Amino acid sequence: MFASLRYAGWQDRAGHYLRGLMLDGRRKSIQPMAARLRGPHEQALNHFVTNSPWDVTPVRRRIAERMNEALDDAA
């Protein structure tokens, strides 16, 4: 999913952020998500979300490809 993210740690942080969004919990801001996750430091996760200048196009393209694979043709 995140193969286009080339800098050290970005793929891991992207995966952690995605997991954080999907976990139970009312607050989806960085601090509560980092507290629920095991692994990312809050500051590293915050930096990834707010300051990382990565191109979203390849990630969105891969998400669309995965959704097309997962959905039934009738959908």
N, C-alpha and C. Protein backbone atom coordinates (compact mmCIF):
# COMPACT_ATOMS: atom_id res chain seq x y z
N MET A 1 0.82 -1.19 0.00
CA MET A 1 0.00 0.00 0.00
C MET A 1 0.86 1.26 0.00
N PHE A 2 1.93 1.24 0.78
CA PHE A 2 2.74 2.44 0.94
C PHE A 2 4.13 2.31 0.34
N ALA A 3 4.27 1.51 -0.69
CA ALA A 3 5.59 1.29 -1.30
C ALA A 3 6.18 2.57 -1.88
N SER A 4 5.36 3.54 -2.24
CA SER A 4 5.87 4.78 -2.83
C SER A 4 6.51 5.70 -1.79
N LEU A 5 6.32 5.41 -0.52
CA LEU A 5 6.92 6.23 0.54
C LEU A 5 8.35 5.75 0.75
N ARG A 6 9.31 6.54 0.35
CA ARG A 6 10.70 6.10 0.28
C ARG A 6 11.55 6.45 1.50
N TYR A 7 11.18 7.44 2.27
CA TYR A 7 12.03 7.85 3.39
C TYR A 7 11.93 6.88 4.56
N ALA A 8 13.00 6.78 5.30
CA ALA A 8 13.08 5.84 6.42
C ALA A 8 11.94 6.09 7.41
N GLY A 9 11.21 5.05 7.71
CA GLY A 9 10.16 5.13 8.71
C GLY A 9 8.80 5.56 8.21
N TRP A 10 8.72 6.13 7.00
CA TRP A 10 7.43 6.61 6.52
C TRP A 10 6.41 5.49 6.31
N GLN A 11 6.86 4.37 5.78
CA GLN A 11 5.92 3.26 5.56
C GLN A 11 5.37 2.77 6.89
N ASP A 12 6.23 2.63 7.88
CA ASP A 12 5.77 2.20 9.21
C ASP A 12 4.80 3.21 9.80
N ARG A 13 5.15 4.49 9.71
CA ARG A 13 4.28 5.52 10.29
C ARG A 13 2.94 5.59 9.56
N ALA A 14 2.96 5.40 8.25
CA ALA A 14 1.70 5.39 7.50
C ALA A 14 0.83 4.23 7.95
N GLY A 15 1.42 3.07 8.15
CA GLY A 15 0.66 1.91 8.63
C GLY A 15 0.12 2.13 10.03
N HIS A 16 0.92 2.72 10.90
CA HIS A 16 0.45 3.02 12.25
C HIS A 16 -0.70 4.01 12.22
N TYR A 17 -0.57 5.04 11.40
CA TYR A 17 -1.63 6.06 11.32
C TYR A 17 -2.93 5.44 10.80
N LEU A 18 -2.82 4.61 9.79
CA LEU A 18 -4.00 3.94 9.24
C LEU A 18 -4.65 3.04 10.29
N ARG A 19 -3.84 2.27 11.03
CA ARG A 19 -4.38 1.44 12.12
C ARG A 19 -5.04 2.31 13.18
N GLY A 20 -4.42 3.42 13.51
CA GLY A 20 -4.99 4.32 14.51
C GLY A 20 -6.34 4.85 14.11
N LEU A 21 -6.51 5.13 12.83
CA LEU A 21 -7.81 5.60 12.35
C LEU A 21 -8.88 4.52 12.45
N MET A 22 -8.48 3.27 12.31
CA MET A 22 -9.45 2.17 12.31
C MET A 22 -9.72 1.61 13.70
N LEU A 23 -8.87 1.88 14.67
CA LEU A 23 -9.08 1.37 16.02
C LEU A 23 -10.28 2.03 16.70
N ASP A 24 -10.83 1.33 17.69
CA ASP A 24 -11.88 1.93 18.51
C ASP A 24 -11.30 3.14 19.22
N GLY A 25 -12.17 4.06 19.49
CA GLY A 25 -11.76 5.27 20.19
C GLY A 25 -12.41 6.46 19.55
N ARG A 26 -12.96 7.30 20.36
CA ARG A 26 -13.70 8.44 19.83
C ARG A 26 -12.78 9.49 19.24
N ARG A 27 -11.65 9.72 19.86
CA ARG A 27 -10.76 10.77 19.38
C ARG A 27 -9.76 10.20 18.38
N LYS A 28 -9.71 10.81 17.21
CA LYS A 28 -8.81 10.36 16.16
C LYS A 28 -7.65 11.32 15.94
N SER A 29 -7.38 12.16 16.93
CA SER A 29 -6.22 13.04 16.83
C SER A 29 -4.97 12.23 17.19
N ILE A 30 -3.82 12.80 16.92
CA ILE A 30 -2.56 12.07 17.04
C ILE A 30 -2.30 11.56 18.45
N GLN A 31 -2.45 12.39 19.46
CA GLN A 31 -2.11 11.99 20.82
C GLN A 31 -2.90 10.76 21.29
N PRO A 32 -4.23 10.74 21.17
CA PRO A 32 -4.96 9.54 21.60
C PRO A 32 -4.65 8.31 20.74
N MET A 33 -4.44 8.53 19.44
CA MET A 33 -4.11 7.38 18.58
C MET A 33 -2.76 6.80 18.97
N ALA A 34 -1.77 7.64 19.19
CA ALA A 34 -0.44 7.16 19.56
C ALA A 34 -0.49 6.40 20.88
N ALA A 35 -1.36 6.84 21.79
CA ALA A 35 -1.50 6.15 23.08
C ALA A 35 -2.11 4.76 22.91
N ARG A 36 -2.98 4.59 21.93
CA ARG A 36 -3.62 3.29 21.70
C ARG A 36 -2.72 2.33 20.91
N LEU A 37 -1.81 2.89 20.13
CA LEU A 37 -0.94 2.07 19.28
C LEU A 37 0.31 1.66 20.04
N ARG A 38 0.86 0.55 19.66
CA ARG A 38 2.15 0.12 20.20
C ARG A 38 3.17 0.30 19.10
N GLY A 39 4.08 1.18 19.31
CA GLY A 39 5.13 1.37 18.32
C GLY A 39 5.49 2.81 18.07
N PRO A 40 4.61 3.58 17.44
CA PRO A 40 5.08 4.91 17.04
C PRO A 40 5.14 5.88 18.21
N HIS A 41 6.15 6.69 18.20
CA HIS A 41 6.25 7.78 19.16
C HIS A 41 5.29 8.88 18.68
N GLU A 42 4.60 9.51 19.60
CA GLU A 42 3.61 10.54 19.25
C GLU A 42 4.21 11.61 18.35
N GLN A 43 5.40 12.07 18.68
CA GLN A 43 6.04 13.13 17.89
C GLN A 43 6.32 12.67 16.46
N ALA A 44 6.78 11.44 16.29
CA ALA A 44 7.07 10.91 14.95
C ALA A 44 5.79 10.79 14.13
N LEU A 45 4.72 10.31 14.76
CA LEU A 45 3.44 10.18 14.07
C LEU A 45 2.90 11.56 13.70
N ASN A 46 3.01 12.51 14.61
CA ASN A 46 2.56 13.87 14.34
C ASN A 46 3.34 14.49 13.19
N HIS A 47 4.65 14.29 13.18
CA HIS A 47 5.47 14.82 12.10
C HIS A 47 5.08 14.20 10.77
N PHE A 48 4.83 12.91 10.74
CA PHE A 48 4.43 12.25 9.50
C PHE A 48 3.14 12.86 8.95
N VAL A 49 2.16 13.08 9.82
CA VAL A 49 0.85 13.57 9.38
C VAL A 49 0.91 15.04 8.98
N THR A 50 1.64 15.85 9.71
CA THR A 50 1.59 17.29 9.48
C THR A 50 2.70 17.86 8.61
N ASN A 51 3.85 17.20 8.54
CA ASN A 51 5.00 17.82 7.87
C ASN A 51 5.62 17.01 6.73
N SER A 52 5.16 15.83 6.47
CA SER A 52 5.80 14.99 5.46
C SER A 52 5.32 15.37 4.06
N PRO A 53 6.24 15.78 3.20
CA PRO A 53 5.85 16.22 1.85
C PRO A 53 5.80 15.08 0.84
N TRP A 54 5.06 14.01 1.15
CA TRP A 54 5.00 12.89 0.24
C TRP A 54 3.83 13.06 -0.72
N ASP A 55 3.97 12.50 -1.89
CA ASP A 55 2.96 12.59 -2.94
C ASP A 55 1.83 11.60 -2.64
N VAL A 56 0.62 12.09 -2.54
CA VAL A 56 -0.52 11.23 -2.21
C VAL A 56 -1.02 10.42 -3.40
N THR A 57 -0.66 10.82 -4.62
CA THR A 57 -1.20 10.17 -5.82
C THR A 57 -0.91 8.68 -5.88
N PRO A 58 0.33 8.21 -5.69
CA PRO A 58 0.57 6.76 -5.75
C PRO A 58 -0.16 5.99 -4.65
N VAL A 59 -0.28 6.58 -3.48
CA VAL A 59 -0.98 5.90 -2.39
C VAL A 59 -2.47 5.78 -2.72
N ARG A 60 -3.06 6.87 -3.19
CA ARG A 60 -4.48 6.83 -3.58
C ARG A 60 -4.71 5.85 -4.72
N ARG A 61 -3.78 5.80 -5.66
CA ARG A 61 -3.92 4.86 -6.79
C ARG A 61 -3.92 3.42 -6.28
N ARG A 62 -3.01 3.12 -5.35
CA ARG A 62 -2.92 1.75 -4.81
C ARG A 62 -4.17 1.40 -4.01
N ILE A 63 -4.69 2.35 -3.24
CA ILE A 63 -5.93 2.11 -2.50
C ILE A 63 -7.06 1.81 -3.47
N ALA A 64 -7.17 2.58 -4.55
CA ALA A 64 -8.21 2.34 -5.55
C ALA A 64 -8.06 0.97 -6.20
N GLU A 65 -6.82 0.58 -6.50
CA GLU A 65 -6.59 -0.75 -7.07
C GLU A 65 -7.03 -1.85 -6.12
N ARG A 66 -6.68 -1.71 -4.85
CA ARG A 66 -7.06 -2.72 -3.85
C ARG A 66 -8.57 -2.80 -3.69
N MET A 67 -9.23 -1.66 -3.72
CA MET A 67 -10.70 -1.65 -3.59
C MET A 67 -11.33 -2.32 -4.81
N ASN A 68 -10.82 -2.04 -6.00
CA ASN A 68 -11.35 -2.69 -7.20
C ASN A 68 -11.19 -4.21 -7.13
N GLU A 69 -10.07 -4.67 -6.59
CA GLU A 69 -9.84 -6.11 -6.42
C GLU A 69 -10.80 -6.72 -5.41
N ALA A 70 -11.10 -5.97 -4.38
CA ALA A 70 -11.92 -6.50 -3.27
C ALA A 70 -13.41 -6.46 -3.56
N LEU A 71 -13.86 -5.51 -4.36
CA LEU A 71 -15.29 -5.36 -4.59
C LEU A 71 -15.78 -6.31 -5.67
N ASP A 72 -16.98 -6.78 -5.48
CA ASP A 72 -17.64 -7.61 -6.47
C ASP A 72 -17.99 -6.77 -7.69
N ASP A 73 -17.96 -7.36 -8.87
CA ASP A 73 -18.29 -6.63 -10.09
C ASP A 73 -19.67 -6.02 -10.05
N ALA A 74 -20.58 -6.61 -9.30
CA ALA A 74 -21.95 -6.09 -9.23
C ALA A 74 -22.05 -4.83 -8.38
N ALA A 75 -21.00 -4.56 -7.62
CA ALA A 75 -21.06 -3.38 -6.73
C ALA A 75 -20.94 -2.10 -7.51
